[in-house]
């Protein structure tokens, strides 16, 4: 895409990088070990920490904390540890107690945060015993190496960061340190499009990122139709009870999304089969243009099997 925008001489001056390749380059360039846990290793270590953590308090307090943790589940707590504690490189329990936890939806008491911190420590202990670490730990180390001047020299005249709402604050800190001057940093972010978490706050990133008076808010939506955006806002409002006012203007109009409630897997399969076949004919698109969005891989696999059995 850049080749369409830039002259060949200018194009040669631009590097397009995945941020984790930069993290690897910085950490390994400083002679540090880079043994990142594989997803299954990470999940296994966290599940063990979740089950084996020692909780503080009386027997009754421990039972209440365990009940609370069980209700949250392993996946929610793992995301809490990775995105909030490690993604922000919080150094101790006091820092975690003071953290705002933007977008996490479920408030924690001080005692509950202490329990989550204990799981974090147990998780780290188990990974360290195997000589492994998380990507979040590696990103935090890379940011520290860059800002302390201990990293192999890697400076850019200017840095453009896209989709910043999906980056750990530690990654953004690292990239700030790689920019020759603060006024040569250009960042775009849309917290409404956050893939991994709904909370995003510049204050989590770096003290140098003072954008007061130097930001532009783009309010014209060129991507979603007004009807799709309104349906999404209605859905989110029903789930959380609070949604920020809609300050967008919409370039495109379209049909309202169709919502159907099904009573069984079989009814869901019949509905999808009928919908895909009819929609592909109406829009004159192939079935390969269709998609099913699901909350988990297991649910997706089960739906795929049923659709295949139904001839799709």
Protein backbone atom coordinates (compact mmCIF):
# COMPACT_ATOMS: atom_id res chain seq x y z
CA UNK A 1 0.00 0.00 0.00
CA UNK A 2 2.85 2.39 0.73
CA UNK A 3 4.16 1.82 -2.79
CA UNK A 4 0.97 3.47 -4.07
CA UNK A 5 1.51 6.51 -1.86
CA UNK A 6 5.26 7.11 -1.93
CA UNK A 7 7.90 7.67 -4.57
CA UNK A 8 10.45 4.81 -4.79
CA UNK A 9 13.19 6.96 -3.25
CA UNK A 10 10.96 7.76 -0.25
CA UNK A 11 9.71 4.19 0.05
CA UNK A 12 13.26 2.97 0.66
CA UNK A 13 13.43 5.22 3.72
CA UNK A 14 10.45 3.53 5.43
CA UNK A 15 10.46 0.39 7.52
CA UNK A 16 7.19 -1.41 8.27
CA UNK A 17 7.67 -3.53 11.37
CA UNK A 18 5.64 -5.81 13.61
CA UNK A 19 6.23 -4.52 17.12
CA UNK A 20 7.10 -7.92 18.57
CA UNK A 21 9.91 -8.35 16.03
CA UNK A 22 11.32 -5.11 17.45
CA UNK A 23 10.88 -6.47 20.98
CA UNK A 24 12.81 -9.60 20.04
CA UNK A 25 15.54 -7.55 18.36
CA UNK A 26 15.97 -5.29 21.38
CA UNK A 27 16.02 -8.07 23.98
CA UNK A 28 18.28 -10.42 22.06
CA UNK A 29 20.51 -7.52 20.98
CA UNK A 30 21.17 -6.85 24.66
CA UNK A 31 22.23 -10.46 25.13
CA UNK A 32 19.13 -11.45 27.09
CA UNK A 33 17.38 -14.82 26.86
CA UNK A 34 14.15 -14.85 24.89
CA UNK A 35 12.30 -18.03 25.82
CA UNK A 36 8.64 -17.14 25.25
CA UNK A 37 6.08 -19.63 26.55
CA UNK A 38 3.93 -21.19 23.86
CA UNK A 39 0.18 -20.55 24.25
CA UNK A 40 -0.47 -24.04 25.63
CA UNK A 41 2.43 -23.72 28.09
CA UNK A 42 1.16 -20.33 29.23
CA UNK A 43 -2.40 -21.57 29.72
CA UNK A 44 -1.21 -24.67 31.57
CA UNK A 45 1.01 -22.68 33.95
CA UNK A 46 -1.76 -20.19 34.67
CA UNK A 47 -4.34 -22.92 35.28
CA UNK A 48 -1.95 -24.55 37.75
CA UNK A 49 -1.38 -21.20 39.48
CA UNK A 50 -5.12 -20.56 39.61
CA UNK A 51 -5.73 -23.91 41.32
CA UNK A 52 -2.64 -23.92 43.54
CA UNK A 53 -2.44 -20.34 44.81
CA UNK A 54 -2.44 -19.82 48.56
CA UNK A 55 -4.97 -17.17 49.55
CA UNK A 56 -4.60 -14.98 52.63
CA UNK A 57 -7.16 -14.37 55.36
CA UNK A 58 -9.31 -16.54 57.59
CA UNK A 59 -10.80 -19.80 56.36
CA UNK A 60 -14.09 -18.03 55.70
CA UNK A 61 -12.36 -15.20 53.80
CA UNK A 62 -10.38 -17.70 51.75
CA UNK A 63 -13.57 -19.59 50.85
CA UNK A 64 -15.25 -16.35 49.70
CA UNK A 65 -12.20 -15.37 47.65
CA UNK A 66 -12.05 -18.80 46.03
CA UNK A 67 -15.74 -18.59 45.16
CA UNK A 68 -15.16 -15.15 43.63
CA UNK A 69 -12.19 -16.34 41.59
CA UNK A 70 -14.08 -19.40 40.37
CA UNK A 71 -16.93 -17.20 39.17
CA UNK A 72 -14.51 -15.01 37.22
CA UNK A 73 -12.90 -18.03 35.61
CA UNK A 74 -9.38 -18.76 34.38
CA UNK A 75 -9.69 -16.87 31.07
CA UNK A 76 -10.83 -13.58 32.64
CA UNK A 77 -8.14 -13.73 35.32
CA UNK A 78 -5.39 -14.63 32.85
CA UNK A 79 -6.35 -11.61 30.75
CA UNK A 80 -6.36 -9.47 33.90
CA UNK A 81 -2.83 -10.56 34.77
CA UNK A 82 -1.45 -10.26 31.23
CA UNK A 83 -3.14 -7.02 30.17
CA UNK A 84 -3.29 -5.06 33.42
CA UNK A 85 -0.44 -6.28 35.62
CA UNK A 86 2.13 -7.31 33.02
CA UNK A 87 0.92 -5.21 30.09
CA UNK A 88 1.45 -2.08 32.19
CA UNK A 89 4.51 -3.52 33.96
CA UNK A 90 3.08 -2.87 37.42
CA UNK A 91 5.98 -3.39 39.84
CA UNK A 92 4.16 -4.40 43.02
CA UNK A 93 0.83 -4.97 44.74
CA UNK A 94 0.57 -1.31 45.73
CA UNK A 95 0.74 -0.27 42.07
CA UNK A 96 -1.92 -2.84 41.16
CA UNK A 97 -4.14 -1.66 44.01
CA UNK A 98 -3.94 1.87 42.57
CA UNK A 99 -4.43 0.84 38.91
CA UNK A 100 -7.61 2.07 37.23
CA UNK A 101 -8.30 -1.20 35.30
CA UNK A 102 -9.97 0.61 32.39
CA UNK A 103 -12.51 -1.51 30.54
CA UNK A 104 -12.45 -4.53 32.84
CA UNK A 105 -16.15 -4.03 33.82
CA UNK A 106 -15.98 -6.04 37.08
CA UNK A 107 -14.77 -3.94 40.06
CA UNK A 108 -12.34 -5.52 42.54
CA UNK A 109 -11.98 -4.88 46.26
CA UNK A 110 -8.50 -4.48 47.75
CA UNK A 111 -8.66 -8.05 49.10
CA UNK A 112 -9.70 -9.41 45.70
CA UNK A 113 -6.84 -7.57 44.01
CA UNK A 114 -4.48 -9.09 46.54
CA UNK A 115 -5.75 -12.55 45.55
CA UNK A 116 -5.23 -11.81 41.84
CA UNK A 117 -1.73 -10.54 42.58
CA UNK A 118 -1.01 -13.80 44.42
CA UNK A 119 -2.10 -15.75 41.32
CA UNK A 120 0.20 -13.56 39.23
CA UNK A 121 3.18 -14.32 41.47
CA UNK A 122 2.42 -18.06 41.44
CA UNK A 123 2.04 -17.94 37.64
CA UNK A 124 5.44 -16.25 37.29
CA UNK A 125 7.05 -18.72 39.66
CA UNK A 126 5.84 -21.66 37.61
CA UNK A 127 6.95 -20.15 34.30
CA UNK A 128 10.35 -19.12 35.68
CA UNK A 129 10.94 -22.64 36.99
CA UNK A 130 10.62 -23.84 33.38
CA UNK A 131 12.86 -21.10 32.02
CA UNK A 132 9.93 -19.43 30.26
CA UNK A 133 8.39 -15.96 30.15
CA UNK A 134 5.39 -14.23 28.61
CA UNK A 135 5.38 -11.81 25.69
CA UNK A 136 4.24 -9.13 28.13
CA UNK A 137 7.37 -9.63 30.23
CA UNK A 138 9.59 -9.44 27.14
CA UNK A 139 7.86 -6.22 26.01
CA UNK A 140 8.37 -4.65 29.43
CA UNK A 141 12.06 -5.58 29.38
CA UNK A 142 12.46 -4.16 25.87
CA UNK A 143 10.88 -0.86 26.96
CA UNK A 144 13.24 -0.68 29.94
CA UNK A 145 16.30 -1.44 27.80
CA UNK A 146 15.39 1.27 25.28
CA UNK A 147 14.69 3.99 27.87
CA UNK A 148 17.74 3.16 29.98
CA UNK A 149 20.05 3.36 26.96
CA UNK A 150 21.14 -0.26 27.32
CA UNK A 151 19.54 -1.38 24.05
CA UNK A 152 21.39 -1.75 20.80
CA UNK A 153 21.00 1.61 19.00
CA UNK A 154 17.70 1.58 17.11
CA UNK A 155 16.33 5.06 16.48
CA UNK A 156 13.92 6.25 13.81
CA UNK A 157 13.58 9.82 12.52
CA UNK A 158 9.83 9.46 12.94
CA UNK A 159 7.49 6.74 14.22
CA UNK A 160 3.92 6.14 13.05
CA UNK A 161 1.87 3.76 15.22
CA UNK A 162 -1.44 2.44 13.95
CA UNK A 163 -4.17 0.66 15.97
CA UNK A 164 -2.51 1.77 19.20
CA UNK A 165 -5.53 0.75 21.27
CA UNK A 166 -4.50 -2.91 20.91
CA UNK A 167 -0.90 -2.46 22.07
CA UNK A 168 0.34 -2.99 25.61
CA UNK A 169 1.44 0.31 27.21
CA UNK A 170 4.93 -1.20 27.50
CA UNK A 171 5.11 -1.54 23.69
CA UNK A 172 4.12 2.08 23.24
CA UNK A 173 6.75 3.12 25.78
CA UNK A 174 9.37 1.24 23.80
CA UNK A 175 8.31 2.91 20.54
CA UNK A 176 8.34 6.35 22.17
CA UNK A 177 11.98 5.67 23.09
CA UNK A 178 12.83 4.72 19.51
CA UNK A 179 11.60 8.04 18.09
CA UNK A 180 14.23 10.73 17.52
CA UNK A 181 11.98 13.45 18.98
CA UNK A 182 8.55 13.49 20.68
CA UNK A 183 7.09 15.79 18.00
CA UNK A 184 7.87 13.17 15.36
CA UNK A 185 5.57 10.58 16.90
CA UNK A 186 2.19 10.03 15.22
CA UNK A 187 -0.34 7.70 16.84
CA UNK A 188 -3.80 6.60 15.80
CA UNK A 189 -6.13 4.79 18.17
CA UNK A 190 -9.82 3.92 18.31
CA UNK A 191 -10.90 2.44 21.62
CA UNK A 192 -14.23 1.45 20.04
CA UNK A 193 -12.30 -0.99 17.85
CA UNK A 194 -10.22 -2.58 20.57
CA UNK A 195 -9.84 -6.26 19.74
CA UNK A 196 -8.41 -7.48 23.03
CA UNK A 197 -9.80 -5.14 25.67
CA UNK A 198 -12.24 -2.27 25.84
CA UNK A 199 -10.16 -0.05 28.12
CA UNK A 200 -7.54 2.30 26.71
CA UNK A 201 -6.01 5.31 28.37
CA UNK A 202 -3.04 7.44 27.34
CA UNK A 203 -2.01 7.87 30.97
CA UNK A 204 -1.15 4.16 31.05
CA UNK A 205 1.47 4.67 28.37
CA UNK A 206 4.09 7.26 29.12
CA UNK A 207 4.51 10.63 30.84
CA UNK A 208 5.99 12.00 27.61
CA UNK A 209 2.72 11.50 25.74
CA UNK A 210 1.12 14.83 26.55
CA UNK A 211 -1.18 15.31 23.58
CA UNK A 212 -3.25 18.15 25.04
CA UNK A 213 -3.93 20.56 22.19
CA UNK A 214 -2.26 18.30 19.64
CA UNK A 215 -4.96 15.71 18.95
CA UNK A 216 -7.61 15.38 16.30
CA UNK A 217 -10.82 13.42 16.76
CA UNK A 218 -12.28 11.95 13.56
CA UNK A 219 -16.04 11.68 13.92
CA UNK A 220 -17.17 10.67 10.42
CA UNK A 221 -17.70 6.89 10.28
CA UNK A 222 -16.81 5.62 6.79
CA UNK A 223 -16.87 1.94 7.76
CA UNK A 224 -20.09 0.95 9.53
CA UNK A 225 -23.58 1.88 8.47
CA UNK A 226 -25.56 3.92 10.97
CA UNK A 227 -27.89 0.92 11.51
CA UNK A 228 -25.01 -1.45 12.34
CA UNK A 229 -23.44 1.04 14.76
CA UNK A 230 -26.75 1.71 16.51
CA UNK A 231 -27.40 -2.01 16.90
CA UNK A 232 -23.94 -2.52 18.40
CA UNK A 233 -24.44 0.36 20.84
CA UNK A 234 -27.83 -1.04 21.88
CA UNK A 235 -26.28 -4.45 22.50
CA UNK A 236 -23.36 -3.04 24.50
CA UNK A 237 -25.67 -0.81 26.53
CA UNK A 238 -27.82 -3.77 27.51
CA UNK A 239 -24.73 -5.66 28.68
CA UNK A 240 -22.92 -2.97 30.65
CA UNK A 241 -25.65 -0.44 31.39
CA UNK A 242 -23.51 2.46 30.21
CA UNK A 243 -22.29 3.46 26.75
CA UNK A 244 -20.65 6.77 25.87
CA UNK A 245 -22.78 9.17 23.80
CA UNK A 246 -22.62 8.59 20.06
CA UNK A 247 -20.79 11.58 18.60
CA UNK A 248 -20.26 10.08 15.15
CA UNK A 249 -21.75 11.05 11.83
CA UNK A 250 -22.37 8.25 9.36
CA UNK A 251 -21.47 8.26 5.68
CA UNK A 252 -23.37 5.04 4.89
CA UNK A 253 -26.92 3.86 5.52
CA UNK A 254 -28.13 0.26 5.26
CA UNK A 255 -30.61 -2.35 6.47
CA UNK A 256 -31.03 -2.99 10.18
CA UNK A 257 -29.18 -6.09 11.41
CA UNK A 258 -31.43 -9.12 11.84
CA UNK A 259 -31.52 -10.66 15.31
CA UNK A 260 -32.89 -14.14 15.95
CA UNK A 261 -33.20 -16.19 19.14
CA UNK A 262 -32.81 -19.96 18.82
CA UNK A 263 -33.81 -22.66 21.27
CA UNK A 264 -31.39 -25.44 20.28
CA UNK A 265 -28.26 -26.31 18.32
CA UNK A 266 -30.38 -27.89 15.63
CA UNK A 267 -32.50 -24.75 15.24
CA UNK A 268 -29.34 -22.64 15.07
CA UNK A 269 -27.91 -24.87 12.34
CA UNK A 270 -31.12 -24.74 10.28
CA UNK A 271 -31.21 -20.95 10.62
CA UNK A 272 -27.60 -20.55 9.48
CA UNK A 273 -28.03 -22.92 6.54
CA UNK A 274 -31.09 -21.04 5.32
CA UNK A 275 -29.52 -17.63 5.90
CA UNK A 276 -26.23 -18.32 4.13
CA UNK A 277 -27.84 -19.89 1.09
CA UNK A 278 -30.38 -17.07 0.73
CA UNK A 279 -27.91 -14.24 1.45
CA UNK A 280 -25.29 -15.51 -0.99
CA UNK A 281 -27.90 -15.70 -3.77
CA UNK A 282 -29.34 -12.27 -2.97
CA UNK A 283 -25.94 -10.57 -2.84
CA UNK A 284 -24.51 -12.68 -5.69
CA UNK A 285 -21.55 -13.74 -3.60
CA UNK A 286 -20.03 -17.16 -3.05
CA UNK A 287 -20.48 -19.06 0.21
CA UNK A 288 -16.78 -18.38 0.77
CA UNK A 289 -17.74 -14.75 1.41
CA UNK A 290 -19.77 -15.77 4.48
CA UNK A 291 -18.46 -15.92 8.04
CA UNK A 292 -19.67 -17.09 11.43
CA UNK A 293 -18.33 -15.11 14.38
CA UNK A 294 -18.16 -17.11 17.61
CA UNK A 295 -17.00 -16.44 21.19
CA UNK A 296 -14.73 -19.52 21.48
CA UNK A 297 -12.88 -21.96 19.23
CA UNK A 298 -14.84 -24.88 20.68
CA UNK A 299 -18.18 -23.32 19.75
CA UNK A 300 -16.85 -22.51 16.29
CA UNK A 301 -15.70 -26.09 15.71
CA UNK A 302 -19.07 -27.49 16.79
CA UNK A 303 -20.99 -25.11 14.49
CA UNK A 304 -18.65 -25.91 11.58
CA UNK A 305 -19.25 -29.64 12.04
CA UNK A 306 -23.02 -29.17 12.06
CA UNK A 307 -22.93 -26.94 8.96
CA UNK A 308 -20.79 -29.48 7.11
CA UNK A 309 -23.21 -32.22 8.07
CA UNK A 310 -25.99 -30.00 6.71
CA UNK A 311 -24.27 -29.81 3.33
CA UNK A 312 -22.65 -26.38 3.62
